[in-house]
Amino acid sequence: MTQIGANCSRSGTLVHTGPRVFDLLAHLVLTRERVVTKDELLRVVWGGRVVSDSTLTSHIHAVRRVIGDNGDQQKLVRTVSRKGFRFVGEVRDASPRSELAERQAHIGPTESDPPSAPKLPDKPSIAVLPFKNLSGDPDQEYFADGIVEDITTAIARLPWLFVIARDSSFIYKDKGTDVTEVARVLGVRYLLEGSVRKTGHSLRISAQLIDASTGAHIWAERFDGALEDLFALQDRVADSVAGALEPKLRLAEIGRASRKAVTGLDAYDLYLRALAESRKPNLEGSSAALSLCRQALAMDPSYALASSFIGAIRSYQWVAGAPLKDKEIAEALQLARLAIETANNDSDVLSRSGHALALLAGEHAAAVSALKKATTLNPNSARAWGLSAAVDCYAFRPKAAIAAAQRAMRLSPLDPLGYQFKLALGYGLMLAGSHAEALEWVDQSLHDRSTFRPAIRVKIALLGYLSQCEEAARWISKIKEDPARTVASFIAFGTKFLSPRTLAVLIEGFRRAGVVER
């Protein structure tokens, strides 16, 4: 029998090993109930660094030499063709908490003592743990596993998120888990866990997102559905969880970046702080957000998230009626076009940049194309669908706008930017001629953000169509400094980004509401 400690003991003889050989053996021993893939070994033993097949093979041979295994017979460490490796020998711990376990719990790697758990990636990281089957029905096991696989696939489409492969997280199936330890071993900051419960002909699926560094629950939701619609429910849950996770993770990451020391900020942290600044009402954080994005680009000139966000900030300023200089618009458009070219597989970049092209240059065809690709790349991004709805309104595509806004709200019903989704739905309904229903959604948008000028403009037009002129006059008095203060000033403003048909609908509503001509 081989005993394992800081060094290996074989038949009572101490055998010295290199640190990576030891970590490799230790991981194989601790995971001996299953086959360990090559990718997992590279992640755990080498911290995810690129290592050649020959290097891995030589370390496996070294492990076998250390424990006296015959490479041909493979009595202790077996090679499983095209899958990986598995330790099949008998193991006995030397103490209640073996030295092996102590080493596996080691944190704080050095060059001479490599980590037994991977370092956190330089972007948000998450593992979806196996969902618990609380039904008492073994037949529901495959459904619980399918939910996890679908959710993992859906959130893996987010390029800014590092997602652990399903095979790695499934080692915790049917095991009690300590979230802190699981996150440390997998090398992630966040964990998603859940359960499936069958009651009669109904299913209830619960999910919760945990920040493993604090143990705090960031988000929780439950979904109910009929047993006969099993696969439709599975798809709905996967889409809903993926859609809800995105804004919650964004907020969690913004909070983390805001607590980080200024001297330790990287380009991603600066971008997150820019996001936080941009969400302040009445454009109060615009200047700070632009400065933070430029700092991020100074660190990394090719950082498309920062360059595309400059276009987004200028877009916020434009729709709010803030005066922009030609050079400011030109810079935003240049960065938006560059971002589309350099990061055309990033849904966030494509959606923001496409929206900027539509709003700042009236390039509707290019914008619609960018947004279509963004929603194809990540069909679970509420933000992409929301911006798509806005562009569809500018381009007079009411049917598409209504569908996109509804999709955004379904994916993220509690989104911090939900007031924009509600406006887009109301805007699209107005363009389609459904004025009363449109006003209901615009009112909801203004309930969430009472100073949102684009919503105020659409509300005034709708009040005109509904012949509520007294109410319209009250709202007109609120926009004395807005481009919609006169028909002529709004025509000059709207011509730059609205299609003639969309502009005509708004102008007709303004005139009926009593907006003065000049």
Protein backbone atom coordinates (compact mmCIF):
# COMPACT_ATOMS: atom_id res chain seq x y z
CA MET A 1 0.00 0.00 0.00
CA THR A 2 1.16 3.53 -0.81
CA GLN A 3 0.74 6.26 1.80
CA ILE A 4 0.61 9.89 0.76
CA GLY A 5 1.87 12.85 2.75
CA ALA A 6 4.10 15.85 2.03
CA ASN A 7 6.22 13.21 0.37
CA CYS A 8 5.10 9.75 -0.69
CA SER A 9 5.80 6.64 1.33
CA ARG A 10 6.01 3.37 -0.59
CA SER A 11 6.40 0.17 1.46
CA GLY A 12 7.72 2.22 4.33
CA THR A 13 10.33 4.03 2.22
CA LEU A 14 10.08 7.81 1.85
CA VAL A 15 9.99 8.87 -1.80
CA HIS A 16 10.64 12.53 -2.64
CA THR A 17 8.45 14.02 -5.38
CA GLY A 18 8.27 17.24 -7.33
CA PRO A 19 5.38 19.54 -6.30
CA ARG A 20 3.39 19.09 -9.52
CA VAL A 21 3.82 15.32 -9.46
CA PHE A 22 2.52 15.35 -5.89
CA ASP A 23 -0.46 17.58 -6.79
CA LEU A 24 -1.26 15.38 -9.77
CA LEU A 25 -1.24 12.25 -7.64
CA ALA A 26 -3.18 13.98 -4.88
CA HIS A 27 -5.95 15.05 -7.23
CA LEU A 28 -6.21 11.59 -8.78
CA VAL A 29 -6.49 10.05 -5.32
CA LEU A 30 -9.13 12.51 -4.10
CA THR A 31 -11.25 12.02 -7.23
CA ARG A 32 -10.74 8.24 -7.44
CA GLU A 33 -14.48 7.57 -7.77
CA ARG A 34 -14.43 8.86 -11.36
CA VAL A 35 -12.34 9.46 -14.47
CA VAL A 36 -10.45 12.77 -14.42
CA THR A 37 -10.14 14.54 -17.76
CA LYS A 38 -6.97 16.09 -19.14
CA ASP A 39 -8.60 19.56 -19.02
CA GLU A 40 -9.39 19.16 -15.34
CA LEU A 41 -5.81 18.16 -14.52
CA LEU A 42 -4.44 21.13 -16.44
CA ARG A 43 -6.82 23.45 -14.60
CA VAL A 44 -6.15 22.08 -11.13
CA VAL A 45 -2.43 21.21 -11.28
CA TRP A 46 -1.14 23.80 -13.76
CA GLY A 47 -3.65 26.58 -12.98
CA GLY A 48 -5.10 26.48 -16.50
CA ARG A 49 -1.81 27.24 -18.24
CA VAL A 50 -1.17 25.73 -21.67
CA VAL A 51 0.78 22.49 -21.27
CA SER A 52 1.78 20.04 -23.99
CA ASP A 53 0.51 16.46 -24.08
CA SER A 54 4.06 15.19 -23.62
CA THR A 55 4.43 17.19 -20.38
CA LEU A 56 1.24 15.73 -18.97
CA THR A 57 2.27 12.23 -20.06
CA SER A 58 5.69 12.56 -18.43
CA HIS A 59 4.07 13.64 -15.15
CA ILE A 60 1.67 10.67 -15.27
CA HIS A 61 4.71 8.39 -15.76
CA ALA A 62 6.39 10.09 -12.79
CA VAL A 63 3.31 9.48 -10.65
CA ARG A 64 3.42 5.80 -11.57
CA ARG A 65 7.11 5.56 -10.73
CA VAL A 66 6.56 7.19 -7.34
CA ILE A 67 3.82 4.75 -6.30
CA GLY A 68 5.45 1.68 -7.88
CA ASP A 69 2.80 1.24 -10.56
CA ASN A 70 3.62 -0.78 -13.65
CA GLY A 71 2.92 1.37 -16.68
CA ASP A 72 1.84 -1.63 -18.75
CA GLN A 73 -0.45 -3.23 -16.19
CA GLN A 74 -1.73 0.06 -14.74
CA LYS A 75 -2.87 -1.47 -11.44
CA LEU A 76 -3.08 1.87 -9.63
CA VAL A 77 -3.40 4.65 -12.24
CA ARG A 78 -5.34 3.65 -15.30
CA THR A 79 -5.50 5.48 -18.60
CA VAL A 80 -9.08 5.54 -19.92
CA SER A 81 -8.92 5.93 -23.70
CA ARG A 82 -10.07 9.34 -24.95
CA LYS A 83 -11.43 10.25 -21.48
CA GLY A 84 -8.60 10.68 -19.00
CA PHE A 85 -7.14 8.96 -15.96
CA ARG A 86 -8.40 7.26 -12.81
CA PHE A 87 -6.74 6.13 -9.59
CA VAL A 88 -8.02 2.64 -8.71
CA GLY A 89 -5.71 1.66 -5.81
CA GLU A 90 -6.69 1.24 -2.18
CA VAL A 91 -6.36 4.44 -0.13
CA ARG A 92 -6.06 4.86 3.63
CA ASP A 93 -5.83 8.27 5.33
CA ALA A 94 -2.98 8.53 7.84
CA SER A 95 -4.91 10.76 10.28
CA PRO A 96 -8.41 12.20 10.87
CA ARG A 97 -7.39 15.03 8.60
CA SER A 98 -4.71 13.62 6.38
CA GLU A 99 -1.72 15.60 5.23
CA LEU A 100 -3.02 15.10 1.71
CA ALA A 101 -6.25 16.90 2.60
CA GLU A 102 -4.25 19.67 4.23
CA ARG A 103 -2.28 20.14 1.04
CA GLN A 104 -5.41 20.12 -1.09
CA ALA A 105 -6.80 22.89 1.14
CA HIS A 106 -3.62 24.94 0.63
CA ILE A 107 -4.21 28.48 -0.59
CA GLY A 108 -1.62 31.01 -1.66
CA PRO A 109 0.53 29.36 -4.35
CA THR A 110 4.14 30.23 -5.02
CA GLU A 111 6.38 29.33 -7.92
CA SER A 112 7.98 26.52 -5.91
CA ASP A 113 4.68 25.28 -4.48
CA PRO A 114 1.97 25.31 -7.19
CA PRO A 115 -1.72 25.51 -6.32
CA SER A 116 -3.94 22.53 -5.66
CA ALA A 117 -6.91 24.71 -6.67
CA PRO A 118 -6.98 27.10 -9.63
CA LYS A 119 -6.62 30.83 -9.34
CA LEU A 120 -9.78 32.88 -9.93
CA PRO A 121 -10.07 34.01 -13.58
CA ASP A 122 -9.76 37.69 -14.41
CA LYS A 123 -13.49 37.89 -15.12
CA PRO A 124 -16.66 36.78 -13.27
CA SER A 125 -16.70 33.01 -12.83
CA ILE A 126 -19.52 30.61 -12.05
CA ALA A 127 -20.29 26.91 -11.71
CA VAL A 128 -23.78 25.44 -12.01
CA LEU A 129 -23.99 22.66 -9.44
CA PRO A 130 -26.19 19.57 -9.94
CA PHE A 131 -29.79 20.31 -8.98
CA LYS A 132 -31.22 18.16 -6.19
CA ASN A 133 -34.08 15.85 -7.06
CA LEU A 134 -36.53 16.30 -4.16
CA SER A 135 -39.32 14.40 -5.88
CA GLY A 136 -38.59 10.95 -4.52
CA ASP A 137 -38.99 9.90 -8.14
CA PRO A 138 -35.79 8.57 -9.74
CA ASP A 139 -37.33 9.18 -13.17
CA GLN A 140 -37.00 12.93 -12.56
CA GLU A 141 -33.23 12.62 -12.16
CA TYR A 142 -32.59 13.06 -15.88
CA PHE A 143 -34.79 16.14 -15.90
CA ALA A 144 -32.82 17.77 -13.07
CA ASP A 145 -29.57 16.97 -14.89
CA GLY A 146 -30.98 18.33 -18.15
CA ILE A 147 -31.92 21.62 -16.47
CA VAL A 148 -28.32 22.08 -15.32
CA GLU A 149 -26.92 21.27 -18.74
CA ASP A 150 -29.26 23.71 -20.47
CA ILE A 151 -28.51 26.51 -17.98
CA THR A 152 -24.77 25.92 -18.30
CA THR A 153 -25.03 26.07 -22.10
CA ALA A 154 -27.15 29.22 -21.98
CA ILE A 155 -24.89 31.25 -19.67
CA ALA A 156 -21.76 30.02 -21.47
CA ARG A 157 -22.84 32.33 -24.31
CA LEU A 158 -21.90 35.33 -22.17
CA PRO A 159 -18.34 36.19 -23.29
CA TRP A 160 -17.65 38.21 -20.13
CA LEU A 161 -18.42 35.22 -17.92
CA PHE A 162 -16.15 32.24 -17.15
CA VAL A 163 -18.35 29.12 -16.85
CA ILE A 164 -17.10 25.81 -15.47
CA ALA A 165 -17.90 22.84 -17.71
CA ARG A 166 -20.76 20.58 -16.60
CA ASP A 167 -18.49 17.55 -16.17
CA SER A 168 -16.41 19.32 -13.53
CA SER A 169 -19.36 20.58 -11.46
CA PHE A 170 -21.11 17.19 -11.59
CA ILE A 171 -18.53 15.60 -9.29
CA TYR A 172 -20.64 17.15 -6.52
CA LYS A 173 -23.80 15.31 -7.49
CA ASP A 174 -25.51 13.66 -4.50
CA LYS A 175 -22.93 15.11 -2.10
CA GLY A 176 -23.24 17.61 0.69
CA THR A 177 -21.44 20.79 -0.36
CA ASP A 178 -19.69 23.61 1.46
CA VAL A 179 -20.06 26.51 -0.98
CA THR A 180 -16.78 28.12 -0.01
CA GLU A 181 -14.81 24.90 -0.47
CA VAL A 182 -16.56 23.96 -3.72
CA ALA A 183 -15.90 27.40 -5.18
CA ARG A 184 -12.24 27.22 -4.12
CA VAL A 185 -11.70 23.81 -5.69
CA LEU A 186 -13.47 24.77 -8.93
CA GLY A 187 -11.85 28.21 -9.03
CA VAL A 188 -15.03 30.31 -9.28
CA ARG A 189 -16.55 33.25 -7.42
CA TYR A 190 -20.23 32.35 -7.87
CA LEU A 191 -22.27 29.16 -7.58
CA LEU A 192 -25.74 28.41 -8.88
CA GLU A 193 -27.60 25.64 -7.09
CA GLY A 194 -31.17 24.44 -7.17
CA SER A 195 -33.71 21.69 -6.77
CA VAL A 196 -36.56 19.94 -8.58
CA ARG A 197 -39.72 18.81 -6.73
CA LYS A 198 -42.62 16.86 -8.20
CA THR A 199 -46.08 17.22 -6.62
CA GLY A 200 -48.83 15.32 -8.37
CA HIS A 201 -48.82 16.46 -11.98
CA SER A 202 -46.86 19.63 -11.24
CA LEU A 203 -43.16 20.43 -11.02
CA ARG A 204 -41.48 23.15 -8.97
CA ILE A 205 -37.93 24.18 -9.83
CA SER A 206 -35.97 26.43 -7.47
CA ALA A 207 -32.64 28.14 -8.18
CA GLN A 208 -30.39 30.43 -6.20
CA LEU A 209 -27.20 32.33 -6.96
CA ILE A 210 -24.53 32.50 -4.25
CA ASP A 211 -21.46 34.69 -3.89
CA ALA A 212 -19.09 32.05 -2.52
CA SER A 213 -16.63 34.63 -1.20
CA THR A 214 -19.22 35.89 1.30
CA GLY A 215 -21.84 33.13 1.32
CA ALA A 216 -24.47 35.75 0.45
CA HIS A 217 -27.50 34.82 -1.64
CA ILE A 218 -27.64 37.25 -4.57
CA TRP A 219 -30.76 35.99 -6.30
CA ALA A 220 -33.38 33.27 -5.93
CA GLU A 221 -36.37 32.26 -8.02
CA ARG A 222 -38.78 29.37 -8.43
CA PHE A 223 -40.64 28.13 -11.48
CA ASP A 224 -43.83 26.06 -11.60
CA GLY A 225 -45.10 24.05 -14.54
CA ALA A 226 -47.11 21.03 -15.64
CA LEU A 227 -45.47 17.62 -15.82
CA GLU A 228 -46.79 17.00 -19.32
CA ASP A 229 -44.89 20.06 -20.60
CA LEU A 230 -41.61 18.77 -19.20
CA PHE A 231 -39.24 19.86 -21.97
CA ALA A 232 -40.98 23.17 -22.60
CA LEU A 233 -40.61 23.89 -18.87
CA GLN A 234 -36.95 22.90 -19.01
CA ASP A 235 -36.33 25.38 -21.85
CA ARG A 236 -38.26 28.13 -20.08
CA VAL A 237 -36.36 27.68 -16.85
CA ALA A 238 -32.99 27.66 -18.62
CA ASP A 239 -33.83 30.86 -20.52
CA SER A 240 -35.25 32.58 -17.46
CA VAL A 241 -32.33 31.71 -15.20
CA ALA A 242 -29.78 32.79 -17.82
CA GLY A 243 -31.66 36.05 -18.42
CA ALA A 244 -31.99 36.83 -14.72
CA LEU A 245 -28.40 35.91 -13.88
CA GLU A 246 -26.86 38.45 -16.23
CA PRO A 247 -28.07 41.66 -14.52
CA LYS A 248 -27.64 40.17 -11.04
CA LEU A 249 -24.06 39.17 -11.75
CA ARG A 250 -23.40 42.61 -13.25
CA LEU A 251 -24.63 44.29 -10.07
CA ALA A 252 -22.61 41.93 -7.89
CA GLU A 253 -19.48 42.61 -9.93
CA ILE A 254 -20.08 46.38 -9.84
CA GLY A 255 -20.34 46.17 -6.07
CA ARG A 256 -17.12 44.16 -5.89
CA ALA A 257 -15.26 46.68 -8.10
CA SER A 258 -16.53 49.62 -6.06
CA ARG A 259 -14.99 48.10 -2.92
CA LYS A 260 -11.64 47.45 -4.56
CA ALA A 261 -8.70 49.75 -3.85
CA VAL A 262 -8.05 52.27 -6.62
CA THR A 263 -4.45 51.12 -6.95
CA GLY A 264 -5.62 47.58 -7.76
CA LEU A 265 -8.06 48.42 -10.54
CA ASP A 266 -7.66 46.78 -13.94
CA ALA A 267 -9.46 47.56 -17.23
CA TYR A 268 -12.43 45.37 -16.32
CA ASP A 269 -12.83 47.02 -12.90
CA LEU A 270 -12.73 50.46 -14.51
CA TYR A 271 -15.42 49.37 -16.96
CA LEU A 272 -17.60 48.09 -14.10
CA ARG A 273 -17.24 51.41 -12.29
CA ALA A 274 -18.24 53.18 -15.51
CA LEU A 275 -21.40 51.03 -15.59
CA ALA A 276 -22.24 52.11 -12.04
CA GLU A 277 -21.71 55.80 -12.85
CA SER A 278 -23.87 55.60 -15.99
CA ARG A 279 -26.84 54.42 -13.93
CA LYS A 280 -27.06 57.60 -11.90
CA PRO A 281 -30.20 59.60 -12.82
CA ASN A 282 -30.20 62.69 -15.01
CA LEU A 283 -26.80 61.93 -16.59
CA GLU A 284 -25.05 62.81 -13.32
CA GLY A 285 -22.43 60.12 -13.81
CA SER A 286 -21.81 60.52 -17.55
CA SER A 287 -18.58 62.47 -17.29
CA ALA A 288 -17.14 60.09 -14.71
CA ALA A 289 -18.19 57.07 -16.79
CA LEU A 290 -16.48 58.46 -19.89
CA SER A 291 -13.30 59.14 -17.91
CA LEU A 292 -13.27 55.59 -16.51
CA CYS A 293 -13.73 54.09 -19.99
CA ARG A 294 -10.84 56.15 -21.32
CA GLN A 295 -8.66 54.97 -18.43
CA ALA A 296 -9.56 51.38 -19.33
CA LEU A 297 -8.65 52.00 -22.98
CA ALA A 298 -5.35 53.54 -21.91
CA MET A 299 -4.57 50.22 -20.22
CA ASP A 300 -5.86 48.16 -23.15
CA PRO A 301 -6.59 50.03 -26.42
CA SER A 302 -8.34 46.96 -27.84
CA TYR A 303 -10.80 46.62 -24.94
CA ALA A 304 -14.05 46.58 -26.90
CA LEU A 305 -16.36 46.67 -23.88
CA ALA A 306 -14.96 50.07 -22.90
CA SER A 307 -14.93 51.49 -26.43
CA SER A 308 -18.50 50.35 -27.11
CA PHE A 309 -19.64 51.79 -23.79
CA ILE A 310 -18.42 55.25 -24.78
CA GLY A 311 -20.93 55.03 -27.63
CA ALA A 312 -23.61 53.94 -25.15
CA ILE A 313 -22.91 56.90 -22.86
CA ARG A 314 -23.08 59.35 -25.75
CA SER A 315 -26.36 57.70 -26.77
CA TYR A 316 -27.80 58.24 -23.26
CA GLN A 317 -26.78 61.89 -23.48
CA TRP A 318 -28.27 62.31 -26.95
CA VAL A 319 -31.73 60.91 -26.16
CA ALA A 320 -31.80 63.03 -23.01
CA GLY A 321 -31.29 66.13 -25.16
CA ALA A 322 -27.80 66.98 -23.93
CA PRO A 323 -25.87 69.08 -26.48
CA LEU A 324 -23.09 67.02 -28.05
CA LYS A 325 -20.27 68.42 -30.14
CA ASP A 326 -19.61 66.99 -33.58
CA LYS A 327 -16.23 65.65 -32.48
CA GLU A 328 -17.83 63.85 -29.52
CA ILE A 329 -20.33 62.13 -31.81
CA ALA A 330 -17.60 61.33 -34.33
CA GLU A 331 -15.44 59.74 -31.61
CA ALA A 332 -18.34 57.62 -30.36
CA LEU A 333 -19.20 56.41 -33.87
CA GLN A 334 -15.57 55.62 -34.66
CA LEU A 335 -15.25 53.55 -31.47
CA ALA A 336 -18.57 51.80 -32.13
CA ARG A 337 -17.54 50.76 -35.64
CA LEU A 338 -14.12 49.63 -34.39
CA ALA A 339 -15.73 47.62 -31.58
CA ILE A 340 -18.02 45.83 -34.04
CA GLU A 341 -15.02 44.90 -36.19
CA THR A 342 -12.80 43.71 -33.34
CA ALA A 343 -15.38 41.97 -31.13
CA ASN A 344 -18.07 40.74 -33.51
CA ASN A 345 -18.74 37.69 -31.34
CA ASP A 346 -19.59 39.69 -28.21
CA SER A 347 -23.32 40.30 -27.74
CA ASP A 348 -22.84 43.27 -25.39
CA VAL A 349 -20.45 45.03 -27.75
CA LEU A 350 -22.63 44.43 -30.82
CA SER A 351 -25.85 45.58 -29.16
CA ARG A 352 -24.40 48.77 -27.68
CA SER A 353 -22.46 49.67 -30.81
CA GLY A 354 -25.43 48.94 -33.07
CA HIS A 355 -27.66 51.15 -30.95
CA ALA A 356 -25.08 53.95 -31.12
CA LEU A 357 -24.98 53.73 -34.93
CA ALA A 358 -28.77 54.05 -35.09
CA LEU A 359 -29.07 56.85 -32.55
CA LEU A 360 -26.05 58.98 -33.40
CA ALA A 361 -25.92 58.46 -37.17
CA GLY A 362 -29.34 57.10 -38.23
CA GLU A 363 -27.68 53.99 -39.70
CA HIS A 364 -30.69 51.75 -39.15
CA ALA A 365 -29.75 48.91 -41.49
CA ALA A 366 -26.32 48.46 -39.89
CA ALA A 367 -27.85 48.75 -36.42
CA VAL A 368 -30.57 46.17 -37.09
CA SER A 369 -27.92 43.80 -38.47
CA ALA A 370 -25.69 44.22 -35.40
CA LEU A 371 -28.59 43.71 -33.00
CA LYS A 372 -29.79 40.65 -34.88
CA LYS A 373 -26.36 39.08 -34.51
CA ALA A 374 -26.21 40.10 -30.83
CA THR A 375 -29.50 38.37 -30.02
CA THR A 376 -28.45 35.32 -32.03
CA LEU A 377 -25.16 35.05 -30.16
CA ASN A 378 -26.91 35.42 -26.81
CA PRO A 379 -30.67 34.88 -27.07
CA ASN A 380 -30.90 35.15 -23.27
CA SER A 381 -29.55 38.72 -23.02
CA ALA A 382 -32.34 41.03 -21.90
CA ARG A 383 -30.12 44.04 -22.63
CA ALA A 384 -29.58 43.00 -26.24
CA TRP A 385 -33.32 42.48 -26.77
CA GLY A 386 -34.08 45.82 -25.10
CA LEU A 387 -31.69 47.73 -27.36
CA SER A 388 -33.00 45.79 -30.34
CA ALA A 389 -36.52 46.97 -29.45
CA ALA A 390 -35.32 50.60 -29.30
CA VAL A 391 -33.61 50.38 -32.70
CA ASP A 392 -36.74 48.78 -34.17
CA CYS A 393 -38.74 51.78 -32.95
CA TYR A 394 -36.32 54.27 -34.54
CA ALA A 395 -36.48 52.31 -37.81
CA PHE A 396 -40.30 52.00 -37.74
CA ARG A 397 -40.43 48.25 -37.17
CA PRO A 398 -43.27 48.19 -34.62
CA LYS A 399 -44.01 44.46 -34.75
CA ALA A 400 -40.34 43.57 -34.19
CA ALA A 401 -40.05 46.23 -31.46
CA ILE A 402 -43.02 44.87 -29.52
CA ALA A 403 -41.71 41.27 -29.71
CA ALA A 404 -38.16 42.28 -28.68
CA ALA A 405 -39.35 44.39 -25.72
CA GLN A 406 -41.61 41.59 -24.48
CA ARG A 407 -38.70 39.13 -24.75
CA ALA A 408 -36.46 41.48 -22.73
CA MET A 409 -39.03 41.81 -19.95
CA ARG A 410 -39.70 38.08 -19.84
CA LEU A 411 -35.98 37.32 -19.55
CA SER A 412 -35.34 39.90 -16.83
CA PRO A 413 -38.57 41.11 -15.23
CA LEU A 414 -36.72 42.91 -12.40
CA ASP A 415 -33.91 44.37 -14.48
CA PRO A 416 -32.48 47.71 -13.27
CA LEU A 417 -32.98 48.99 -16.82
CA GLY A 418 -36.52 47.62 -17.03
CA TYR A 419 -37.93 51.14 -17.44
CA GLN A 420 -36.23 51.23 -20.86
CA PHE A 421 -37.82 47.91 -21.87
CA LYS A 422 -41.26 49.20 -20.85
CA LEU A 423 -40.79 52.39 -22.86
CA ALA A 424 -39.73 50.38 -25.92
CA LEU A 425 -42.89 48.28 -25.65
CA GLY A 426 -45.06 51.38 -25.29
CA TYR A 427 -43.21 53.07 -28.17
CA GLY A 428 -43.75 50.06 -30.44
CA LEU A 429 -47.45 49.86 -29.53
CA MET A 430 -47.83 53.57 -30.32
CA LEU A 431 -46.26 53.04 -33.75
CA ALA A 432 -48.68 50.13 -34.25
CA GLY A 433 -51.66 52.39 -33.39
CA SER A 434 -52.52 50.81 -29.98
CA HIS A 435 -52.49 54.11 -28.11
CA ALA A 436 -54.32 53.21 -24.88
CA GLU A 437 -52.25 50.08 -24.28
CA ALA A 438 -49.08 51.98 -25.20
CA LEU A 439 -49.82 54.65 -22.57
CA GLU A 440 -50.12 51.99 -19.86
CA TRP A 441 -46.58 50.78 -20.54
CA VAL A 442 -45.14 54.28 -20.85
CA ASP A 443 -46.73 55.18 -17.51
CA GLN A 444 -45.05 52.13 -15.97
CA SER A 445 -41.73 53.30 -17.38
CA LEU A 446 -42.22 56.76 -15.86
CA HIS A 447 -43.27 55.20 -12.56
CA ASP A 448 -39.85 53.51 -12.45
CA ARG A 449 -37.91 56.54 -13.71
CA SER A 450 -40.02 59.74 -13.53
CA THR A 451 -37.39 61.94 -15.23
CA PHE A 452 -36.79 59.67 -18.24
CA ARG A 453 -37.16 62.20 -21.03
CA PRO A 454 -37.71 59.80 -23.96
CA ALA A 455 -40.68 58.35 -22.05
CA ILE A 456 -42.06 61.83 -21.36
CA ARG A 457 -41.94 62.63 -25.10
CA VAL A 458 -43.79 59.46 -26.05
CA LYS A 459 -46.35 60.08 -23.28
CA ILE A 460 -47.07 63.57 -24.62
CA ALA A 461 -47.62 62.18 -28.13
CA LEU A 462 -49.91 59.46 -26.79
CA LEU A 463 -51.94 61.94 -24.74
CA GLY A 464 -52.42 63.88 -27.97
CA TYR A 465 -53.70 60.80 -29.81
CA LEU A 466 -56.04 60.05 -26.87
CA SER A 467 -57.32 63.68 -26.83
CA GLN A 468 -56.20 64.18 -23.22
CA CYS A 469 -55.01 67.72 -23.88
CA GLU A 470 -55.26 69.04 -20.32
CA GLU A 471 -53.03 66.22 -19.04
CA ALA A 472 -50.74 66.76 -22.03
CA ALA A 473 -50.31 70.45 -21.15
CA ARG A 474 -49.12 69.45 -17.66
CA TRP A 475 -46.43 67.20 -19.13
CA ILE A 476 -45.42 69.72 -21.80
CA SER A 477 -44.64 72.20 -19.03
CA LYS A 478 -42.00 69.76 -17.73
CA ILE A 479 -39.87 69.81 -20.89
CA LYS A 480 -39.05 73.48 -21.41
CA GLU A 481 -35.39 72.65 -22.13
CA ASP A 482 -36.13 69.52 -24.18
CA PRO A 483 -35.96 69.16 -27.99
CA ALA A 484 -39.70 68.34 -27.84
CA ARG A 485 -40.55 71.81 -26.46
CA THR A 486 -41.56 72.82 -29.99
CA VAL A 487 -42.48 70.88 -33.11
CA ALA A 488 -39.72 72.57 -35.10
CA SER A 489 -36.99 71.83 -32.54
CA PHE A 490 -38.00 68.16 -32.33
CA ILE A 491 -38.02 67.80 -36.13
CA ALA A 492 -34.44 69.13 -36.19
CA PHE A 493 -33.51 66.73 -33.38
CA GLY A 494 -35.40 63.63 -34.51
CA THR A 495 -34.51 63.79 -38.19
CA LYS A 496 -30.96 62.75 -37.30
CA PHE A 497 -31.93 59.32 -35.92
CA LEU A 498 -35.60 58.56 -36.55
CA SER A 499 -37.02 57.13 -39.74
CA PRO A 500 -39.45 59.52 -41.50
CA ARG A 501 -42.44 57.34 -40.51
CA THR A 502 -41.49 57.18 -36.82
CA LEU A 503 -40.83 60.93 -36.76
CA ALA A 504 -44.20 61.58 -38.42
CA VAL A 505 -46.06 59.57 -35.77
CA LEU A 506 -44.44 61.54 -32.94
CA ILE A 507 -44.94 64.94 -34.61
CA GLU A 508 -48.63 64.24 -35.24
CA GLY A 509 -49.07 63.30 -31.58
CA PHE A 510 -47.24 66.43 -30.43
CA ARG A 511 -49.46 68.67 -32.55
CA ARG A 512 -52.62 67.03 -31.21
CA ALA A 513 -51.28 67.42 -27.66
CA GLY A 514 -50.78 71.15 -28.17
CA VAL A 515 -46.99 71.38 -28.53
CA VAL A 516 -46.28 74.78 -30.14
CA GLU A 517 -44.86 74.84 -33.65
CA ARG A 518 -41.90 77.15 -32.88
